[in-house]
């Protein structure tokens, strides 16, 4: 995983922000709501995925633990209790750059989590 360049100020901004979004491969928007220890993806077709959100480590890392999904793609990909690991790399003007560790792969996915 890349090293995080996030400042303490930027981390606090992330923690107080509840509404984000990211772009899917087809440029459709998926909304994200983070609150009360939960991360919820709301997809363009109004389906959702719910995960538990938990900070860990010292380098702006967090874990999402899969709970449930009504989205056919996500529901078929994850099982309850599956864990996914992320790291916030940096804050830009309108988004946070986030790295994701793909389970059972060496590949690291970088994506932009935009502030809504």
PDB file of N, CA and C in Angstrom:
ATOM      1  N   UNK A   1       0.856  -1.192   0.000  1.00  0.00           N
ATOM      2  CA  UNK A   1       0.000   0.000   0.000  1.00  0.00           C
ATOM      3  C   UNK A   1       0.888   1.236   0.000  1.00  0.00           C
ATOM      4  N   UNK A   2       0.472   2.261  -0.731  1.00  0.00           N
ATOM      5  CA  UNK A   2       1.245   3.518  -0.712  1.00  0.00           C
ATOM      6  C   UNK A   2       1.221   4.146   0.677  1.00  0.00           C
ATOM      7  N   UNK A   3       2.210   4.971   0.946  1.00  0.00           N
ATOM      8  CA  UNK A   3       2.281   5.685   2.223  1.00  0.00           C
ATOM      9  C   UNK A   3       1.248   6.817   2.226  1.00  0.00           C
ATOM     10  N   UNK A   4       0.601   7.002   3.354  1.00  0.00           N
ATOM     11  CA  UNK A   4      -0.379   8.076   3.501  1.00  0.00           C
ATOM     12  C   UNK A   4       0.328   9.408   3.698  1.00  0.00           C
ATOM     13  N   UNK A   5      -0.165  10.431   3.011  1.00  0.00           N
ATOM     14  CA  UNK A   5       0.335  11.802   3.166  1.00  0.00           C
ATOM     15  C   UNK A   5      -0.709  12.685   3.849  1.00  0.00           C
ATOM     16  N   UNK A   6      -1.734  12.069   4.414  1.00  0.00           N
ATOM     17  CA  UNK A   6      -2.845  12.800   5.009  1.00  0.00           C
ATOM     18  C   UNK A   6      -2.392  13.533   6.269  1.00  0.00           C
ATOM     19  N   UNK A   7      -2.753  14.800   6.385  1.00  0.00           N
ATOM     20  CA  UNK A   7      -2.424  15.567   7.585  1.00  0.00           C
ATOM     21  C   UNK A   7      -3.480  15.300   8.663  1.00  0.00           C
ATOM     22  N   UNK A   8      -3.170  15.685   9.885  1.00  0.00           N
ATOM     23  CA  UNK A   8      -4.121  15.541  10.994  1.00  0.00           C
ATOM     24  C   UNK A   8      -5.384  16.347  10.685  1.00  0.00           C
ATOM     25  N   UNK A   9      -5.227  17.544  10.157  1.00  0.00           N
ATOM     26  CA  UNK A   9      -6.368  18.403   9.793  1.00  0.00           C
ATOM     27  C   UNK A   9      -7.243  17.720   8.748  1.00  0.00           C
ATOM     28  N   UNK A  10      -6.622  17.142   7.727  1.00  0.00           N
ATOM     29  CA  UNK A  10      -7.376  16.469   6.672  1.00  0.00           C
ATOM     30  C   UNK A  10      -8.094  15.228   7.204  1.00  0.00           C
ATOM     31  N   UNK A  11      -7.459  14.505   8.110  1.00  0.00           N
ATOM     32  CA  UNK A  11      -8.094  13.327   8.715  1.00  0.00           C
ATOM     33  C   UNK A  11      -9.339  13.748   9.481  1.00  0.00           C
ATOM     34  N   UNK A  12      -9.244  14.847  10.229  1.00  0.00           N
ATOM     35  CA  UNK A  12     -10.404  15.339  10.980  1.00  0.00           C
ATOM     36  C   UNK A  12     -11.528  15.748  10.039  1.00  0.00           C
ATOM     37  N   UNK A  13     -11.175  16.337   8.903  1.00  0.00           N
ATOM     38  CA  UNK A  13     -12.198  16.707   7.922  1.00  0.00           C
ATOM     39  C   UNK A  13     -12.893  15.457   7.381  1.00  0.00           C
ATOM     40  N   UNK A  14     -12.112  14.425   7.085  1.00  0.00           N
ATOM     41  CA  UNK A  14     -12.699  13.172   6.614  1.00  0.00           C
ATOM     42  C   UNK A  14     -13.657  12.613   7.664  1.00  0.00           C
ATOM     43  N   UNK A  15     -13.224  12.606   8.912  1.00  0.00           N
ATOM     44  CA  UNK A  15     -14.024  12.019   9.990  1.00  0.00           C
ATOM     45  C   UNK A  15     -15.337  12.761  10.221  1.00  0.00           C
ATOM     46  N   UNK A  16     -15.365  14.061   9.982  1.00  0.00           N
ATOM     47  CA  UNK A  16     -16.609  14.810  10.211  1.00  0.00           C
ATOM     48  C   UNK A  16     -17.519  14.843   8.979  1.00  0.00           C
ATOM     49  N   UNK A  17     -17.019  14.408   7.831  1.00  0.00           N
ATOM     50  CA  UNK A  17     -17.822  14.377   6.611  1.00  0.00           C
ATOM     51  C   UNK A  17     -18.595  13.060   6.563  1.00  0.00           C
ATOM     52  N   UNK A  18     -19.880  13.156   6.256  1.00  0.00           N
ATOM     53  CA  UNK A  18     -20.716  11.956   6.203  1.00  0.00           C
ATOM     54  C   UNK A  18     -21.041  11.530   4.776  1.00  0.00           C
ATOM     55  N   UNK A  19     -21.076  12.476   3.856  1.00  0.00           N
ATOM     56  CA  UNK A  19     -21.545  12.193   2.506  1.00  0.00           C
ATOM     57  C   UNK A  19     -20.431  12.339   1.478  1.00  0.00           C
ATOM     58  N   UNK A  20     -20.220  11.260   0.742  1.00  0.00           N
ATOM     59  CA  UNK A  20     -19.215  11.200  -0.306  1.00  0.00           C
ATOM     60  C   UNK A  20     -19.844  10.551  -1.537  1.00  0.00           C
ATOM     61  N   UNK A  21     -19.069  10.474  -2.597  1.00  0.00           N
ATOM     62  CA  UNK A  21     -19.464   9.669  -3.755  1.00  0.00           C
ATOM     63  C   UNK A  21     -18.212   9.271  -4.518  1.00  0.00           C
ATOM     64  N   UNK A  22     -18.347   8.231  -5.327  1.00  0.00           N
ATOM     65  CA  UNK A  22     -17.273   7.828  -6.230  1.00  0.00           C
ATOM     66  C   UNK A  22     -17.892   7.434  -7.555  1.00  0.00           C
ATOM     67  N   UNK A  23     -17.048   7.405  -8.579  1.00  0.00           N
ATOM     68  CA  UNK A  23     -17.514   7.074  -9.917  1.00  0.00           C
ATOM     69  C   UNK A  23     -17.221   5.617 -10.228  1.00  0.00           C
ATOM     70  N   UNK A  24     -18.213   4.934 -10.755  1.00  0.00           N
ATOM     71  CA  UNK A  24     -18.046   3.558 -11.202  1.00  0.00           C
ATOM     72  C   UNK A  24     -17.281   3.575 -12.528  1.00  0.00           C
ATOM     73  N   UNK A  25     -16.885   2.408 -13.005  1.00  0.00           N
ATOM     74  CA  UNK A  25     -16.149   2.303 -14.261  1.00  0.00           C
ATOM     75  C   UNK A  25     -16.883   2.884 -15.451  1.00  0.00           C
ATOM     76  N   UNK A  26     -18.217   2.899 -15.396  1.00  0.00           N
ATOM     77  CA  UNK A  26     -19.021   3.449 -16.487  1.00  0.00           C
ATOM     78  C   UNK A  26     -19.394   4.915 -16.248  1.00  0.00           C
ATOM     79  N   UNK A  27     -18.733   5.559 -15.282  1.00  0.00           N
ATOM     80  CA  UNK A  27     -18.934   6.966 -14.888  1.00  0.00           C
ATOM     81  C   UNK A  27     -20.257   7.236 -14.177  1.00  0.00           C
ATOM     82  N   UNK A  28     -20.981   6.194 -13.768  1.00  0.00           N
ATOM     83  CA  UNK A  28     -22.152   6.413 -12.935  1.00  0.00           C
ATOM     84  C   UNK A  28     -21.700   6.695 -11.507  1.00  0.00           C
ATOM     85  N   UNK A  29     -22.505   7.443 -10.776  1.00  0.00           N
ATOM     86  CA  UNK A  29     -22.163   7.872  -9.424  1.00  0.00           C
ATOM     87  C   UNK A  29     -22.740   6.923  -8.376  1.00  0.00           C
ATOM     88  N   UNK A  30     -21.879   6.490  -7.456  1.00  0.00           N
ATOM     89  CA  UNK A  30     -22.310   5.730  -6.282  1.00  0.00           C
ATOM     90  C   UNK A  30     -22.119   6.630  -5.068  1.00  0.00           C
ATOM     91  N   UNK A  31     -23.191   6.838  -4.324  1.00  0.00           N
ATOM     92  CA  UNK A  31     -23.127   7.669  -3.118  1.00  0.00           C
ATOM     93  C   UNK A  31     -22.671   6.825  -1.934  1.00  0.00           C
ATOM     94  N   UNK A  32     -21.977   7.479  -1.004  1.00  0.00           N
ATOM     95  CA  UNK A  32     -21.476   6.827   0.205  1.00  0.00           C
ATOM     96  C   UNK A  32     -21.897   7.660   1.405  1.00  0.00           C
ATOM     97  N   UNK A  33     -22.452   6.991   2.404  1.00  0.00           N
ATOM     98  CA  UNK A  33     -22.784   7.640   3.668  1.00  0.00           C
ATOM     99  C   UNK A  33     -22.004   6.904   4.756  1.00  0.00           C
ATOM    100  N   UNK A  34     -21.218   7.671   5.526  1.00  0.00           N
ATOM    101  CA  UNK A  34     -20.449   7.102   6.637  1.00  0.00           C
ATOM    102  C   UNK A  34     -20.956   7.736   7.921  1.00  0.00           C
ATOM    103  N   UNK A  35     -21.560   6.923   8.780  1.00  0.00           N
ATOM    104  CA  UNK A  35     -22.004   7.425  10.084  1.00  0.00           C
ATOM    105  C   UNK A  35     -22.284   6.261  11.026  1.00  0.00           C
ATOM    106  N   UNK A  36     -22.104   6.527  12.306  1.00  0.00           N
ATOM    107  CA  UNK A  36     -22.379   5.536  13.364  1.00  0.00           C
ATOM    108  C   UNK A  36     -21.667   4.205  13.122  1.00  0.00           C
ATOM    109  N   UNK A  37     -20.405   4.269  12.675  1.00  0.00           N
ATOM    110  CA  UNK A  37     -19.630   3.058  12.475  1.00  0.00           C
ATOM    111  C   UNK A  37     -20.067   2.223  11.287  1.00  0.00           C
ATOM    112  N   UNK A  38     -20.801   2.829  10.363  1.00  0.00           N
ATOM    113  CA  UNK A  38     -21.274   2.137   9.166  1.00  0.00           C
ATOM    114  C   UNK A  38     -20.869   2.922   7.910  1.00  0.00           C
ATOM    115  N   UNK A  39     -20.610   2.175   6.857  1.00  0.00           N
ATOM    116  CA  UNK A  39     -20.348   2.736   5.526  1.00  0.00           C
ATOM    117  C   UNK A  39     -21.412   2.141   4.632  1.00  0.00           C
ATOM    118  N   UNK A  40     -22.206   2.983   3.966  1.00  0.00           N
ATOM    119  CA  UNK A  40     -23.236   2.477   3.066  1.00  0.00           C
ATOM    120  C   UNK A  40     -23.002   3.029   1.669  1.00  0.00           C
ATOM    121  N   UNK A  41     -22.878   2.114   0.700  1.00  0.00           N
ATOM    122  CA  UNK A  41     -22.827   2.479  -0.714  1.00  0.00           C
ATOM    123  C   UNK A  41     -24.259   2.460  -1.235  1.00  0.00           C
ATOM    124  N   UNK A  42     -24.659   3.535  -1.929  1.00  0.00           N
ATOM    125  CA  UNK A  42     -25.977   3.589  -2.556  1.00  0.00           C
ATOM    126  C   UNK A  42     -25.736   3.722  -4.055  1.00  0.00           C
ATOM    127  N   UNK A  43     -26.083   2.678  -4.787  1.00  0.00           N
ATOM    128  CA  UNK A  43     -25.742   2.565  -6.202  1.00  0.00           C
ATOM    129  C   UNK A  43     -26.756   3.290  -7.087  1.00  0.00           C
ATOM    130  N   UNK A  44     -26.388   3.538  -8.339  1.00  0.00           N
ATOM    131  CA  UNK A  44     -27.274   4.277  -9.254  1.00  0.00           C
ATOM    132  C   UNK A  44     -28.665   3.648  -9.412  1.00  0.00           C
ATOM    133  N   UNK A  45     -28.777   2.334  -9.241  1.00  0.00           N
ATOM    134  CA  UNK A  45     -30.081   1.671  -9.370  1.00  0.00           C
ATOM    135  C   UNK A  45     -30.847   1.631  -8.042  1.00  0.00           C
ATOM    136  N   UNK A  46     -30.376   2.416  -7.061  1.00  0.00           N
ATOM    137  CA  UNK A  46     -30.984   2.534  -5.721  1.00  0.00           C
ATOM    138  C   UNK A  46     -30.853   1.277  -4.868  1.00  0.00           C
ATOM    139  N   UNK A  47     -29.981   0.343  -5.252  1.00  0.00           N
ATOM    140  CA  UNK A  47     -29.641  -0.763  -4.365  1.00  0.00           C
ATOM    141  C   UNK A  47     -28.547  -0.271  -3.424  1.00  0.00           C
ATOM    142  N   UNK A  48     -28.190  -1.068  -2.429  1.00  0.00           N
ATOM    143  CA  UNK A  48     -27.188  -0.622  -1.460  1.00  0.00           C
ATOM    144  C   UNK A  48     -26.325  -1.778  -0.990  1.00  0.00           C
ATOM    145  N   UNK A  49     -25.206  -1.417  -0.376  1.00  0.00           N
ATOM    146  CA  UNK A  49     -24.363  -2.343   0.372  1.00  0.00           C
ATOM    147  C   UNK A  49     -24.059  -1.693   1.713  1.00  0.00           C
ATOM    148  N   UNK A  50     -24.134  -2.482   2.778  1.00  0.00           N
ATOM    149  CA  UNK A  50     -23.829  -1.995   4.128  1.00  0.00           C
ATOM    150  C   UNK A  50     -22.601  -2.721   4.650  1.00  0.00           C
ATOM    151  N   UNK A  51     -21.690  -1.947   5.258  1.00  0.00           N
ATOM    152  CA  UNK A  51     -20.511  -2.513   5.893  1.00  0.00           C
ATOM    153  C   UNK A  51     -20.263  -1.800   7.217  1.00  0.00           C
ATOM    154  N   UNK A  52     -19.542  -2.484   8.105  1.00  0.00           N
ATOM    155  CA  UNK A  52     -19.056  -1.846   9.328  1.00  0.00           C
ATOM    156  C   UNK A  52     -17.783  -1.095   8.964  1.00  0.00           C
ATOM    157  N   UNK A  53     -17.622   0.109   9.505  1.00  0.00           N
ATOM    158  CA  UNK A  53     -16.449   0.950   9.257  1.00  0.00           C
ATOM    159  C   UNK A  53     -15.636   1.033  10.539  1.00  0.00           C
ATOM    160  N   UNK A  54     -14.311   0.739  10.443  1.00  0.00           N
ATOM    161  CA  UNK A  54     -13.469   0.786  11.645  1.00  0.00           C
ATOM    162  C   UNK A  54     -12.058   1.249  11.259  1.00  0.00           C
ATOM    163  N   UNK A  55     -11.564   2.267  11.973  1.00  0.00           N
ATOM    164  CA  UNK A  55     -10.172   2.702  11.808  1.00  0.00           C
ATOM    165  C   UNK A  55      -9.254   1.668  12.438  1.00  0.00           C
ATOM    166  N   UNK A  56      -8.054   1.493  11.890  1.00  0.00           N
ATOM    167  CA  UNK A  56      -7.045   0.662  12.531  1.00  0.00           C
ATOM    168  C   UNK A  56      -5.675   1.164  12.107  1.00  0.00           C
ATOM    169  N   UNK A  57      -4.647   0.726  12.797  1.00  0.00           N
ATOM    170  CA  UNK A  57      -3.286   1.138  12.452  1.00  0.00           C
ATOM    171  C   UNK A  57      -3.046   2.607  12.726  1.00  0.00           C
ATOM    172  N   UNK A  58      -1.889   3.070  12.297  1.00  0.00           N
ATOM    173  CA  UNK A  58      -1.483   4.453  12.550  1.00  0.00           C
ATOM    174  C   UNK A  58      -1.346   5.261  11.279  1.00  0.00           C
ATOM    175  N   UNK A  59      -1.661   4.667  10.131  1.00  0.00           N
ATOM    176  CA  UNK A  59      -1.393   5.336   8.859  1.00  0.00           C
ATOM    177  C   UNK A  59      -2.673   5.597   8.070  1.00  0.00           C
ATOM    178  N   UNK A  60      -3.729   6.082   8.748  1.00  0.00           N
ATOM    179  CA  UNK A  60      -4.995   6.441   8.109  1.00  0.00           C
ATOM    180  C   UNK A  60      -5.635   5.269   7.377  1.00  0.00           C
ATOM    181  N   UNK A  61      -5.552   4.109   8.025  1.00  0.00           N
ATOM    182  CA  UNK A  61      -6.108   2.889   7.455  1.00  0.00           C
ATOM    183  C   UNK A  61      -7.472   2.598   8.092  1.00  0.00           C
ATOM    184  N   UNK A  62      -8.356   2.024   7.274  1.00  0.00           N
ATOM    185  CA  UNK A  62      -9.633   1.591   7.815  1.00  0.00           C
ATOM    186  C   UNK A  62     -10.049   0.284   7.164  1.00  0.00           C
ATOM    187  N   UNK A  63     -10.975  -0.368   7.849  1.00  0.00           N
ATOM    188  CA  UNK A  63     -11.472  -1.675   7.425  1.00  0.00           C
ATOM    189  C   UNK A  63     -12.974  -1.565   7.223  1.00  0.00           C
ATOM    190  N   UNK A  64     -13.456  -2.207   6.160  1.00  0.00           N
ATOM    191  CA  UNK A  64     -14.890  -2.349   5.951  1.00  0.00           C
ATOM    192  C   UNK A  64     -15.218  -3.830   6.065  1.00  0.00           C
ATOM    193  N   UNK A  65     -16.167  -4.157   6.931  1.00  0.00           N
ATOM    194  CA  UNK A  65     -16.609  -5.543   7.091  1.00  0.00           C
ATOM    195  C   UNK A  65     -18.022  -5.677   6.519  1.00  0.00           C
ATOM    196  N   UNK A  66     -18.158  -6.529   5.522  1.00  0.00           N
ATOM    197  CA  UNK A  66     -19.412  -6.683   4.799  1.00  0.00           C
ATOM    198  C   UNK A  66     -20.524  -7.181   5.707  1.00  0.00           C
ATOM    199  N   UNK A  67     -21.685  -6.512   5.616  1.00  0.00           N
ATOM    200  CA  UNK A  67     -22.878  -6.914   6.371  1.00  0.00           C
ATOM    201  C   UNK A  67     -23.918  -7.501   5.416  1.00  0.00           C
ATOM    202  N   UNK A  68     -24.358  -6.683   4.453  1.00  0.00           N
ATOM    203  CA  UNK A  68     -25.389  -7.128   3.519  1.00  0.00           C
ATOM    204  C   UNK A  68     -25.420  -6.215   2.299  1.00  0.00           C
ATOM    205  N   UNK A  69     -26.080  -6.696   1.240  1.00  0.00           N
ATOM    206  CA  UNK A  69     -26.239  -5.905   0.032  1.00  0.00           C
ATOM    207  C   UNK A  69     -27.485  -6.336  -0.716  1.00  0.00           C
ATOM    208  N   UNK A  70     -28.132  -5.355  -1.344  1.00  0.00           N
ATOM    209  CA  UNK A  70     -29.245  -5.641  -2.245  1.00  0.00           C
ATOM    210  C   UNK A  70     -28.787  -5.512  -3.701  1.00  0.00           C
ATOM    211  N   UNK A  71     -27.520  -5.176  -3.902  1.00  0.00           N
ATOM    212  CA  UNK A  71     -26.959  -5.044  -5.248  1.00  0.00           C
ATOM    213  C   UNK A  71     -26.473  -6.413  -5.712  1.00  0.00           C
ATOM    214  N   UNK A  72     -26.941  -6.861  -6.868  1.00  0.00           N
ATOM    215  CA  UNK A  72     -26.620  -8.207  -7.343  1.00  0.00           C
ATOM    216  C   UNK A  72     -25.122  -8.446  -7.466  1.00  0.00           C
ATOM    217  N   UNK A  73     -24.375  -7.491  -8.020  1.00  0.00           N
ATOM    218  CA  UNK A  73     -22.929  -7.667  -8.180  1.00  0.00           C
ATOM    219  C   UNK A  73     -22.227  -7.774  -6.837  1.00  0.00           C
ATOM    220  N   UNK A  74     -22.519  -6.859  -5.935  1.00  0.00           N
ATOM    221  CA  UNK A  74     -21.841  -6.851  -4.633  1.00  0.00           C
ATOM    222  C   UNK A  74     -22.272  -8.028  -3.770  1.00  0.00           C
ATOM    223  N   UNK A  75     -23.545  -8.348  -3.827  1.00  0.00           N
ATOM    224  CA  UNK A  75     -24.077  -9.448  -3.022  1.00  0.00           C
ATOM    225  C   UNK A  75     -23.435 -10.779  -3.427  1.00  0.00           C
ATOM    226  N   UNK A  76     -23.164 -10.934  -4.709  1.00  0.00           N
ATOM    227  CA  UNK A  76     -22.554 -12.171  -5.183  1.00  0.00           C
ATOM    228  C   UNK A  76     -21.058 -12.232  -4.940  1.00  0.00           C
ATOM    229  N   UNK A  77     -20.445 -11.079  -4.700  1.00  0.00           N
ATOM    230  CA  UNK A  77     -18.993 -10.998  -4.533  1.00  0.00           C
ATOM    231  C   UNK A  77     -18.566 -11.155  -3.079  1.00  0.00           C
ATOM    232  N   UNK A  78     -19.410 -10.714  -2.155  1.00  0.00           N
ATOM    233  CA  UNK A  78     -19.034 -10.697  -0.734  1.00  0.00           C
ATOM    234  C   UNK A  78     -19.972 -11.545   0.103  1.00  0.00           C
ATOM    235  N   UNK A  79     -19.405 -12.033   1.208  1.00  0.00           N
ATOM    236  CA  UNK A  79     -20.191 -12.764   2.208  1.00  0.00           C
ATOM    237  C   UNK A  79     -20.120 -12.008   3.524  1.00  0.00           C
ATOM    238  N   UNK A  80     -21.137 -12.176   4.332  1.00  0.00           N
ATOM    239  CA  UNK A  80     -21.160 -11.509   5.633  1.00  0.00           C
ATOM    240  C   UNK A  80     -19.862 -11.825   6.382  1.00  0.00           C
ATOM    241  N   UNK A  81     -19.220 -10.764   6.882  1.00  0.00           N
ATOM    242  CA  UNK A  81     -17.971 -10.919   7.630  1.00  0.00           C
ATOM    243  C   UNK A  81     -16.718 -10.714   6.791  1.00  0.00           C
ATOM    244  N   UNK A  82     -16.824 -10.719   5.447  1.00  0.00           N
ATOM    245  CA  UNK A  82     -15.650 -10.441   4.610  1.00  0.00           C
ATOM    246  C   UNK A  82     -15.109  -9.056   4.946  1.00  0.00           C
ATOM    247  N   UNK A  83     -13.772  -8.941   4.989  1.00  0.00           N
ATOM    248  CA  UNK A  83     -13.142  -7.667   5.351  1.00  0.00           C
ATOM    249  C   UNK A  83     -12.321  -7.133   4.195  1.00  0.00           C
ATOM    250  N   UNK A  84     -12.406  -5.818   4.035  1.00  0.00           N
ATOM    251  CA  UNK A  84     -11.689  -5.111   2.980  1.00  0.00           C
ATOM    252  C   UNK A  84     -10.888  -3.989   3.636  1.00  0.00           C
ATOM    253  N   UNK A  85      -9.667  -3.794   3.160  1.00  0.00           N
ATOM    254  CA  UNK A  85      -8.747  -2.856   3.806  1.00  0.00           C
ATOM    255  C   UNK A  85      -8.440  -1.679   2.893  1.00  0.00           C
ATOM    256  N   UNK A  86      -8.464  -0.480   3.492  1.00  0.00           N
ATOM    257  CA  UNK A  86      -8.296   0.764   2.757  1.00  0.00           C
ATOM    258  C   UNK A  86      -7.310   1.673   3.487  1.00  0.00           C
ATOM    259  N   UNK A  87      -6.766   2.606   2.729  1.00  0.00           N
ATOM    260  CA  UNK A  87      -5.899   3.629   3.315  1.00  0.00           C
ATOM    261  C   UNK A  87      -6.158   4.938   2.576  1.00  0.00           C
ATOM    262  N   UNK A  88      -6.339   6.009   3.346  1.00  0.00           N
ATOM    263  CA  UNK A  88      -6.488   7.323   2.728  1.00  0.00           C
ATOM    264  C   UNK A  88      -5.081   7.839   2.439  1.00  0.00           C
ATOM    265  N   UNK A  89      -4.814   8.111   1.190  1.00  0.00           N
ATOM    266  CA  UNK A  89      -3.475   8.500   0.762  1.00  0.00           C
ATOM    267  C   UNK A  89      -3.257  10.000   0.888  1.00  0.00           C
ATOM    268  N   UNK A  90      -4.203  10.771   0.392  1.00  0.00           N
ATOM    269  CA  UNK A  90      -4.046  12.234   0.445  1.00  0.00           C
ATOM    270  C   UNK A  90      -5.388  12.917   0.256  1.00  0.00           C
ATOM    271  N   UNK A  91      -5.426  14.169   0.631  1.00  0.00           N
ATOM    272  CA  UNK A  91      -6.604  15.020   0.437  1.00  0.00           C
ATOM    273  C   UNK A  91      -6.291  15.988  -0.677  1.00  0.00           C
ATOM    274  N   UNK A  92      -7.169  16.064  -1.639  1.00  0.00           N
ATOM    275  CA  UNK A  92      -7.097  17.074  -2.690  1.00  0.00           C
ATOM    276  C   UNK A  92      -8.252  18.036  -2.459  1.00  0.00           C
ATOM    277  N   UNK A  93      -8.397  19.013  -3.341  1.00  0.00           N
ATOM    278  CA  UNK A  93      -9.400  20.052  -3.107  1.00  0.00           C
ATOM    279  C   UNK A  93     -10.814  19.496  -2.953  1.00  0.00           C
ATOM    280  N   UNK A  94     -11.221  18.569  -3.836  1.00  0.00           N
ATOM    281  CA  UNK A  94     -12.608  18.099  -3.836  1.00  0.00           C
ATOM    282  C   UNK A  94     -12.767  16.619  -3.501  1.00  0.00           C
ATOM    283  N   UNK A  95     -11.667  15.947  -3.198  1.00  0.00           N
ATOM    284  CA  UNK A  95     -11.762  14.514  -2.944  1.00  0.00           C
ATOM    285  C   UNK A  95     -10.600  14.019  -2.093  1.00  0.00           C
ATOM    286  N   UNK A  96     -10.773  12.790  -1.598  1.00  0.00           N
ATOM    287  CA  UNK A  96      -9.706  12.065  -0.923  1.00  0.00           C
ATOM    288  C   UNK A  96      -9.271  10.948  -1.860  1.00  0.00           C
ATOM    289  N   UNK A  97      -7.974  10.760  -2.003  1.00  0.00           N
ATOM    290  CA  UNK A  97      -7.478   9.626  -2.767  1.00  0.00           C
ATOM    291  C   UNK A  97      -7.342   8.456  -1.800  1.00  0.00           C
ATOM    292  N   UNK A  98      -7.920   7.323  -2.178  1.00  0.00           N
ATOM    293  CA  UNK A  98      -7.978   6.158  -1.303  1.00  0.00           C
ATOM    294  C   UNK A  98      -7.386   4.955  -2.026  1.00  0.00           C
ATOM    295  N   UNK A  99      -6.623   4.162  -1.292  1.00  0.00           N
ATOM    296  CA  UNK A  99      -6.076   2.909  -1.822  1.00  0.00           C
ATOM    297  C   UNK A  99      -6.852   1.758  -1.194  1.00  0.00           C
ATOM    298  N   UNK A 100      -7.152   0.747  -2.010  1.00  0.00           N
ATOM    299  CA  UNK A 100      -7.879  -0.432  -1.533  1.00  0.00           C
ATOM    300  C   UNK A 100      -7.060  -1.671  -1.836  1.00  0.00           C
ATOM    301  N   UNK A 101      -6.961  -2.547  -0.838  1.00  0.00           N
ATOM    302  CA  UNK A 101      -6.294  -3.832  -1.017  1.00  0.00           C
ATOM    303  C   UNK A 101      -7.335  -4.836  -1.476  1.00  0.00           C
ATOM    304  N   UNK A 102      -7.133  -5.403  -2.649  1.00  0.00           N
ATOM    305  CA  UNK A 102      -8.070  -6.384  -3.188  1.00  0.00           C
ATOM    306  C   UNK A 102      -7.782  -7.737  -2.535  1.00  0.00           C
ATOM    307  N   UNK A 103      -8.780  -8.365  -1.899  1.00  0.00           N
ATOM    308  CA  UNK A 103      -8.548  -9.656  -1.231  1.00  0.00           C
ATOM    309  C   UNK A 103      -8.025 -10.720  -2.198  1.00  0.00           C
ATOM    310  N   UNK A 104      -7.062 -11.491  -1.712  1.00  0.00           N
ATOM    311  CA  UNK A 104      -6.457 -12.590  -2.464  1.00  0.00           C
ATOM    312  C   UNK A 104      -5.758 -12.149  -3.744  1.00  0.00           C
ATOM    313  N   UNK A 105      -5.384 -10.869  -3.822  1.00  0.00           N
ATOM    314  CA  UNK A 105      -4.649 -10.358  -4.975  1.00  0.00           C
ATOM    315  C   UNK A 105      -3.567  -9.413  -4.481  1.00  0.00           C
ATOM    316  N   UNK A 106      -2.533  -9.264  -5.276  1.00  0.00           N
ATOM    317  CA  UNK A 106      -1.477  -8.310  -4.930  1.00  0.00           C
ATOM    318  C   UNK A 106      -1.828  -6.910  -5.418  1.00  0.00           C
ATOM    319  N   UNK A 107      -2.863  -6.817  -6.211  1.00  0.00           N
ATOM    320  CA  UNK A 107      -3.262  -5.556  -6.831  1.00  0.00           C
ATOM    321  C   UNK A 107      -3.772  -4.555  -5.795  1.00  0.00           C
ATOM    322  N   UNK A 108      -3.370  -3.282  -5.956  1.00  0.00           N
ATOM    323  CA  UNK A 108      -3.872  -2.180  -5.139  1.00  0.00           C
ATOM    324  C   UNK A 108      -4.708  -1.301  -6.065  1.00  0.00           C
ATOM    325  N   UNK A 109      -5.906  -0.987  -5.647  1.00  0.00           N
ATOM    326  CA  UNK A 109      -6.801  -0.137  -6.416  1.00  0.00           C
ATOM    327  C   UNK A 109      -6.762   1.272  -5.818  1.00  0.00           C
ATOM    328  N   UNK A 110      -6.539   2.281  -6.653  1.00  0.00           N
ATOM    329  CA  UNK A 110      -6.603   3.673  -6.212  1.00  0.00           C
ATOM    330  C   UNK A 110      -7.894   4.277  -6.771  1.00  0.00           C
ATOM    331  N   UNK A 111      -8.617   5.001  -5.915  1.00  0.00           N
ATOM    332  CA  UNK A 111      -9.820   5.668  -6.398  1.00  0.00           C
ATOM    333  C   UNK A 111     -10.010   6.983  -5.666  1.00  0.00           C
ATOM    334  N   UNK A 112     -10.871   7.825  -6.234  1.00  0.00           N
ATOM    335  CA  UNK A 112     -11.181   9.134  -5.658  1.00  0.00           C
ATOM    336  C   UNK A 112     -12.522   9.051  -4.950  1.00  0.00           C
ATOM    337  N   UNK A 113     -12.518   9.431  -3.675  1.00  0.00           N
ATOM    338  CA  UNK A 113     -13.738   9.504  -2.883  1.00  0.00           C
ATOM    339  C   UNK A 113     -14.064  10.989  -2.753  1.00  0.00           C
ATOM    340  N   UNK A 114     -15.024  11.426  -3.569  1.00  0.00           N
ATOM    341  CA  UNK A 114     -15.361  12.852  -3.646  1.00  0.00           C
ATOM    342  C   UNK A 114     -16.217  13.288  -2.463  1.00  0.00           C
ATOM    343  N   UNK A 115     -15.993  14.515  -2.033  1.00  0.00           N
ATOM    344  CA  UNK A 115     -16.779  15.110  -0.953  1.00  0.00           C
ATOM    345  C   UNK A 115     -18.051  15.672  -1.573  1.00  0.00           C
ATOM    346  N   UNK A 116     -19.187  15.302  -0.991  1.00  0.00           N
ATOM    347  CA  UNK A 116     -20.469  15.738  -1.529  1.00  0.00           C
ATOM    348  C   UNK A 116     -20.861  17.081  -0.939  1.00  0.00           C
TER     349      UNK A 116
END
